[in-house]
Amino acid sequence: MADALETEALWEDFHRVVNMTSAELAAWLRVRDAAEETEPLPEDAGPPTGQHVLAILQKRRTDLTDDDIRVMYEVVDTVGALADPENEPEPENTPADTRRRHRLMTLGHDPLKP
């Protein structure tokens, strides 16, 4: 497990890049998985990483597991690689931009949120 200072820095980074609330993320995961014929139970909606991010958002820092810390690093790295607001113009409404936004939202980051 990471030391206390490393965990605190990761916690801050994670909550900086995950700019959606747990309610917003839960709603997005449900909408994302909704289908015309079937729809998963709310607690099963979304990919495993999105579900894990949602679970982390509902925890206290002292309750983090090694797996939580691994996912937090993964999310911080992925969001950093996909969304660099200082080096990128405003997103355009192209299918690629929409897919990128939806992928980021599955990780709890909405690039259109200030």
N, C-alpha and C. Protein backbone atom coordinates (compact mmCIF):
# COMPACT_ATOMS: atom_id res chain seq x y z
N MET A 1 0.85 -1.19 0.00
CA MET A 1 0.00 0.00 0.00
C MET A 1 0.88 1.24 0.00
N ALA A 2 0.42 2.30 -0.62
CA ALA A 2 1.17 3.54 -0.71
C ALA A 2 1.28 4.19 0.67
N ASP A 3 2.32 5.01 0.84
CA ASP A 3 2.46 5.68 2.13
C ASP A 3 1.43 6.81 2.23
N ALA A 4 1.29 7.38 3.42
CA ALA A 4 0.23 8.36 3.68
C ALA A 4 0.34 9.59 2.78
N LEU A 5 1.55 10.12 2.58
CA LEU A 5 1.71 11.31 1.75
C LEU A 5 1.39 11.02 0.29
N GLU A 6 1.81 9.86 -0.18
CA GLU A 6 1.52 9.47 -1.56
C GLU A 6 0.01 9.28 -1.75
N THR A 7 -0.63 8.64 -0.78
CA THR A 7 -2.07 8.42 -0.86
C THR A 7 -2.82 9.75 -0.83
N GLU A 8 -2.38 10.68 0.00
CA GLU A 8 -3.04 11.98 0.07
C GLU A 8 -2.90 12.73 -1.25
N ALA A 9 -1.71 12.70 -1.85
CA ALA A 9 -1.50 13.37 -3.15
C ALA A 9 -2.36 12.72 -4.23
N LEU A 10 -2.43 11.39 -4.22
CA LEU A 10 -3.26 10.68 -5.19
C LEU A 10 -4.73 11.02 -4.99
N TRP A 11 -5.18 11.06 -3.74
CA TRP A 11 -6.57 11.41 -3.41
C TRP A 11 -6.92 12.78 -4.00
N GLU A 12 -6.02 13.76 -3.82
CA GLU A 12 -6.25 15.10 -4.35
C GLU A 12 -6.27 15.09 -5.88
N ASP A 13 -5.32 14.39 -6.51
CA ASP A 13 -5.28 14.31 -7.97
C ASP A 13 -6.55 13.64 -8.51
N PHE A 14 -6.95 12.56 -7.87
CA PHE A 14 -8.14 11.82 -8.29
C PHE A 14 -9.37 12.71 -8.24
N HIS A 15 -9.54 13.43 -7.13
CA HIS A 15 -10.73 14.28 -6.98
C HIS A 15 -10.64 15.54 -7.84
N ARG A 16 -9.46 15.90 -8.31
CA ARG A 16 -9.32 17.01 -9.24
C ARG A 16 -9.77 16.58 -10.64
N VAL A 17 -9.37 15.37 -11.07
CA VAL A 17 -9.72 14.92 -12.42
C VAL A 17 -11.13 14.34 -12.50
N VAL A 18 -11.61 13.76 -11.42
CA VAL A 18 -12.99 13.24 -11.40
C VAL A 18 -13.88 14.40 -10.97
N ASN A 19 -14.41 15.11 -11.98
CA ASN A 19 -15.17 16.33 -11.70
C ASN A 19 -16.68 16.11 -11.70
N MET A 20 -17.09 14.86 -11.81
CA MET A 20 -18.52 14.54 -11.72
C MET A 20 -18.82 14.06 -10.30
N THR A 21 -19.98 14.40 -9.80
CA THR A 21 -20.38 13.90 -8.49
C THR A 21 -20.74 12.42 -8.62
N SER A 22 -20.85 11.75 -7.49
CA SER A 22 -21.23 10.34 -7.55
C SER A 22 -22.63 10.18 -8.16
N ALA A 23 -23.54 11.12 -7.89
CA ALA A 23 -24.89 11.04 -8.47
C ALA A 23 -24.83 11.23 -9.99
N GLU A 24 -24.01 12.18 -10.46
CA GLU A 24 -23.87 12.40 -11.90
C GLU A 24 -23.27 11.18 -12.60
N LEU A 25 -22.24 10.62 -11.97
CA LEU A 25 -21.59 9.44 -12.55
C LEU A 25 -22.54 8.25 -12.57
N ALA A 26 -23.25 8.01 -11.48
CA ALA A 26 -24.20 6.90 -11.43
C ALA A 26 -25.27 7.06 -12.51
N ALA A 27 -25.78 8.27 -12.69
CA ALA A 27 -26.79 8.52 -13.71
C ALA A 27 -26.20 8.29 -15.11
N TRP A 28 -24.98 8.76 -15.34
CA TRP A 28 -24.35 8.56 -16.65
C TRP A 28 -24.16 7.06 -16.94
N LEU A 29 -23.69 6.31 -15.95
CA LEU A 29 -23.47 4.88 -16.17
C LEU A 29 -24.78 4.17 -16.49
N ARG A 30 -25.87 4.58 -15.84
CA ARG A 30 -27.17 3.98 -16.15
C ARG A 30 -27.63 4.34 -17.56
N VAL A 31 -27.48 5.60 -17.94
CA VAL A 31 -27.89 6.05 -19.28
C VAL A 31 -27.03 5.36 -20.33
N ARG A 32 -25.74 5.26 -20.08
CA ARG A 32 -24.81 4.66 -21.02
C ARG A 32 -25.18 3.22 -21.33
N ASP A 33 -25.63 2.49 -20.33
CA ASP A 33 -25.95 1.07 -20.50
C ASP A 33 -27.41 0.80 -20.85
N ALA A 34 -28.23 1.84 -20.86
CA ALA A 34 -29.65 1.63 -21.15
C ALA A 34 -29.81 1.18 -22.61
N ALA A 35 -30.63 0.17 -22.78
CA ALA A 35 -30.90 -0.34 -24.12
C ALA A 35 -32.40 -0.41 -24.31
N GLU A 36 -32.80 -0.56 -25.55
CA GLU A 36 -34.22 -0.59 -25.85
C GLU A 36 -34.91 -1.80 -25.21
N GLU A 37 -34.24 -2.94 -25.22
CA GLU A 37 -34.87 -4.16 -24.73
C GLU A 37 -34.48 -4.53 -23.30
N THR A 38 -33.25 -4.24 -22.92
CA THR A 38 -32.80 -4.61 -21.57
C THR A 38 -32.02 -3.47 -20.95
N GLU A 39 -31.99 -3.49 -19.65
CA GLU A 39 -31.24 -2.48 -18.92
C GLU A 39 -30.73 -3.15 -17.64
N PRO A 40 -29.43 -2.99 -17.33
CA PRO A 40 -28.92 -3.63 -16.12
C PRO A 40 -29.47 -2.96 -14.86
N LEU A 41 -29.36 -3.67 -13.76
CA LEU A 41 -29.71 -3.08 -12.48
C LEU A 41 -28.80 -1.87 -12.26
N PRO A 42 -29.28 -0.84 -11.57
CA PRO A 42 -28.47 0.37 -11.39
C PRO A 42 -27.07 0.09 -10.84
N GLU A 43 -26.96 -0.84 -9.90
CA GLU A 43 -25.65 -1.11 -9.30
C GLU A 43 -24.73 -1.88 -10.25
N ASP A 44 -25.27 -2.40 -11.35
CA ASP A 44 -24.47 -3.13 -12.34
C ASP A 44 -24.22 -2.32 -13.61
N ALA A 45 -24.68 -1.08 -13.65
CA ALA A 45 -24.55 -0.27 -14.86
C ALA A 45 -23.12 0.22 -15.03
N GLY A 46 -22.69 0.22 -16.28
CA GLY A 46 -21.37 0.75 -16.61
C GLY A 46 -20.28 -0.30 -16.55
N PRO A 47 -19.12 0.06 -17.10
CA PRO A 47 -17.99 -0.87 -17.09
C PRO A 47 -17.41 -0.98 -15.68
N PRO A 48 -16.62 -2.02 -15.43
CA PRO A 48 -16.05 -2.21 -14.09
C PRO A 48 -15.27 -1.00 -13.57
N THR A 49 -14.49 -0.34 -14.42
CA THR A 49 -13.72 0.81 -13.93
C THR A 49 -14.65 1.93 -13.52
N GLY A 50 -15.70 2.20 -14.30
CA GLY A 50 -16.67 3.23 -13.93
C GLY A 50 -17.36 2.91 -12.61
N GLN A 51 -17.71 1.65 -12.43
CA GLN A 51 -18.32 1.22 -11.16
C GLN A 51 -17.34 1.41 -10.00
N HIS A 52 -16.07 1.11 -10.25
CA HIS A 52 -15.06 1.24 -9.20
C HIS A 52 -14.84 2.71 -8.85
N VAL A 53 -14.82 3.59 -9.85
CA VAL A 53 -14.70 5.03 -9.58
C VAL A 53 -15.87 5.49 -8.72
N LEU A 54 -17.06 5.04 -9.05
CA LEU A 54 -18.24 5.39 -8.27
C LEU A 54 -18.09 4.92 -6.82
N ALA A 55 -17.60 3.71 -6.64
CA ALA A 55 -17.40 3.19 -5.28
C ALA A 55 -16.36 4.02 -4.52
N ILE A 56 -15.29 4.43 -5.20
CA ILE A 56 -14.25 5.24 -4.55
C ILE A 56 -14.83 6.59 -4.13
N LEU A 57 -15.66 7.18 -4.97
CA LEU A 57 -16.27 8.47 -4.64
C LEU A 57 -17.12 8.39 -3.37
N GLN A 58 -17.57 7.21 -3.04
CA GLN A 58 -18.43 7.03 -1.87
C GLN A 58 -17.64 6.60 -0.63
N LYS A 59 -16.30 6.59 -0.74
CA LYS A 59 -15.45 6.16 0.38
C LYS A 59 -14.73 7.34 1.01
N ARG A 60 -14.25 7.06 2.22
CA ARG A 60 -13.33 7.99 2.87
C ARG A 60 -11.91 7.56 2.49
N ARG A 61 -11.00 8.50 2.52
CA ARG A 61 -9.61 8.20 2.18
C ARG A 61 -9.05 7.06 3.03
N THR A 62 -9.43 7.00 4.28
CA THR A 62 -8.89 5.97 5.18
C THR A 62 -9.42 4.57 4.85
N ASP A 63 -10.46 4.48 4.03
CA ASP A 63 -11.05 3.18 3.69
C ASP A 63 -10.56 2.62 2.36
N LEU A 64 -9.61 3.30 1.72
CA LEU A 64 -9.12 2.85 0.42
C LEU A 64 -8.38 1.52 0.51
N THR A 65 -8.58 0.69 -0.50
CA THR A 65 -7.86 -0.58 -0.59
C THR A 65 -6.74 -0.43 -1.62
N ASP A 66 -5.86 -1.41 -1.70
CA ASP A 66 -4.81 -1.40 -2.72
C ASP A 66 -5.42 -1.36 -4.12
N ASP A 67 -6.53 -2.06 -4.32
CA ASP A 67 -7.20 -2.06 -5.61
C ASP A 67 -7.77 -0.68 -5.93
N ASP A 68 -8.31 0.00 -4.92
CA ASP A 68 -8.81 1.37 -5.11
C ASP A 68 -7.67 2.29 -5.56
N ILE A 69 -6.53 2.16 -4.92
CA ILE A 69 -5.38 3.00 -5.24
C ILE A 69 -4.91 2.72 -6.66
N ARG A 70 -4.89 1.47 -7.07
CA ARG A 70 -4.51 1.11 -8.44
C ARG A 70 -5.45 1.78 -9.44
N VAL A 71 -6.76 1.69 -9.18
CA VAL A 71 -7.75 2.28 -10.09
C VAL A 71 -7.62 3.81 -10.09
N MET A 72 -7.35 4.40 -8.95
CA MET A 72 -7.19 5.86 -8.89
C MET A 72 -6.01 6.30 -9.76
N TYR A 73 -4.88 5.60 -9.66
CA TYR A 73 -3.73 5.92 -10.53
C TYR A 73 -4.11 5.77 -12.00
N GLU A 74 -4.82 4.69 -12.32
CA GLU A 74 -5.23 4.43 -13.70
C GLU A 74 -6.13 5.56 -14.22
N VAL A 75 -7.07 6.00 -13.41
CA VAL A 75 -8.00 7.06 -13.82
C VAL A 75 -7.26 8.38 -14.00
N VAL A 76 -6.40 8.73 -13.05
CA VAL A 76 -5.64 9.98 -13.15
C VAL A 76 -4.78 9.97 -14.42
N ASP A 77 -4.10 8.86 -14.69
CA ASP A 77 -3.26 8.76 -15.88
C ASP A 77 -4.08 8.81 -17.17
N THR A 78 -5.19 8.08 -17.21
CA THR A 78 -6.02 8.03 -18.42
C THR A 78 -6.65 9.38 -18.71
N VAL A 79 -7.23 10.00 -17.70
CA VAL A 79 -7.85 11.31 -17.90
C VAL A 79 -6.78 12.32 -18.32
N GLY A 80 -5.62 12.26 -17.70
CA GLY A 80 -4.53 13.17 -18.08
C GLY A 80 -4.12 13.00 -19.53
N ALA A 81 -4.12 11.77 -20.00
CA ALA A 81 -3.73 11.49 -21.39
C ALA A 81 -4.82 11.90 -22.38
N LEU A 82 -6.07 11.76 -21.99
CA LEU A 82 -7.18 12.03 -22.92
C LEU A 82 -7.69 13.47 -22.87
N ALA A 83 -7.53 14.13 -21.74
CA ALA A 83 -8.10 15.47 -21.58
C ALA A 83 -7.04 16.42 -21.04
N ASP A 84 -6.44 17.18 -21.92
CA ASP A 84 -5.49 18.20 -21.50
C ASP A 84 -6.06 19.55 -21.90
N PRO A 85 -6.86 20.16 -21.02
CA PRO A 85 -7.60 21.36 -21.39
C PRO A 85 -6.71 22.54 -21.78
N GLU A 86 -5.49 22.60 -21.30
CA GLU A 86 -4.64 23.75 -21.62
C GLU A 86 -4.04 23.66 -23.02
N ASN A 87 -3.91 22.45 -23.54
CA ASN A 87 -3.29 22.28 -24.85
C ASN A 87 -4.29 21.91 -25.93
N GLU A 88 -5.55 22.03 -25.62
CA GLU A 88 -6.55 21.56 -26.55
C GLU A 88 -7.62 22.62 -26.76
N PRO A 89 -8.04 22.82 -28.00
CA PRO A 89 -9.14 23.77 -28.22
C PRO A 89 -10.44 23.19 -27.67
N GLU A 90 -11.45 24.03 -27.64
CA GLU A 90 -12.77 23.56 -27.20
C GLU A 90 -13.18 22.36 -28.03
N PRO A 91 -13.78 21.34 -27.40
CA PRO A 91 -14.21 20.17 -28.17
C PRO A 91 -15.22 20.56 -29.24
N GLU A 92 -15.09 19.92 -30.37
CA GLU A 92 -16.04 20.14 -31.45
C GLU A 92 -17.07 19.02 -31.40
N ASN A 93 -18.14 19.19 -32.09
CA ASN A 93 -19.20 18.19 -32.08
C ASN A 93 -19.00 17.16 -33.19
N THR A 94 -17.89 16.46 -33.13
CA THR A 94 -17.64 15.39 -34.09
C THR A 94 -17.86 14.07 -33.38
N PRO A 95 -18.10 13.01 -34.12
CA PRO A 95 -18.28 11.71 -33.47
C PRO A 95 -17.07 11.31 -32.61
N ALA A 96 -15.86 11.62 -33.05
CA ALA A 96 -14.67 11.28 -32.27
C ALA A 96 -14.65 12.04 -30.94
N ASP A 97 -15.02 13.32 -30.98
CA ASP A 97 -15.06 14.11 -29.75
C ASP A 97 -16.14 13.59 -28.81
N THR A 98 -17.27 13.19 -29.36
CA THR A 98 -18.34 12.64 -28.53
C THR A 98 -17.91 11.34 -27.89
N ARG A 99 -17.27 10.46 -28.66
CA ARG A 99 -16.77 9.19 -28.09
C ARG A 99 -15.76 9.45 -26.99
N ARG A 100 -14.84 10.40 -27.23
CA ARG A 100 -13.81 10.73 -26.24
C ARG A 100 -14.46 11.27 -24.97
N ARG A 101 -15.43 12.16 -25.13
CA ARG A 101 -16.14 12.72 -23.96
C ARG A 101 -16.85 11.61 -23.20
N HIS A 102 -17.52 10.72 -23.90
CA HIS A 102 -18.24 9.64 -23.22
C HIS A 102 -17.28 8.70 -22.52
N ARG A 103 -16.13 8.43 -23.11
CA ARG A 103 -15.14 7.58 -22.44
C ARG A 103 -14.65 8.25 -21.15
N LEU A 104 -14.37 9.55 -21.23
CA LEU A 104 -13.94 10.28 -20.04
C LEU A 104 -15.04 10.32 -18.98
N MET A 105 -16.28 10.51 -19.41
CA MET A 105 -17.38 10.55 -18.46
C MET A 105 -17.56 9.21 -17.74
N THR A 106 -17.24 8.12 -18.42
CA THR A 106 -17.32 6.80 -17.78
C THR A 106 -16.30 6.70 -16.64
N LEU A 107 -15.26 7.52 -16.70
CA LEU A 107 -14.25 7.57 -15.63
C LEU A 107 -14.55 8.68 -14.61
N GLY A 108 -15.66 9.39 -14.81
CA GLY A 108 -16.04 10.44 -13.87
C GLY A 108 -15.55 11.83 -14.24
N HIS A 109 -15.03 12.00 -15.46
CA HIS A 109 -14.53 13.31 -15.90
C HIS A 109 -15.34 13.81 -17.09
N ASP A 110 -16.03 14.92 -16.89
CA ASP A 110 -16.77 15.55 -17.99
C ASP A 110 -15.94 16.73 -18.48
N PRO A 111 -15.34 16.61 -19.68
CA PRO A 111 -14.48 17.69 -20.17
C PRO A 111 -15.24 19.00 -20.44
N LEU A 112 -16.55 18.96 -20.50
CA LEU A 112 -17.31 20.18 -20.73
C LEU A 112 -17.65 20.92 -19.43
N LYS A 113 -17.37 20.28 -18.30
CA LYS A 113 -17.61 20.93 -17.01
C LYS A 113 -16.44 21.86 -16.69
N PRO A 114 -16.72 23.04 -16.15
CA PRO A 114 -15.62 23.95 -15.80
C PRO A 114 -14.78 23.41 -14.66
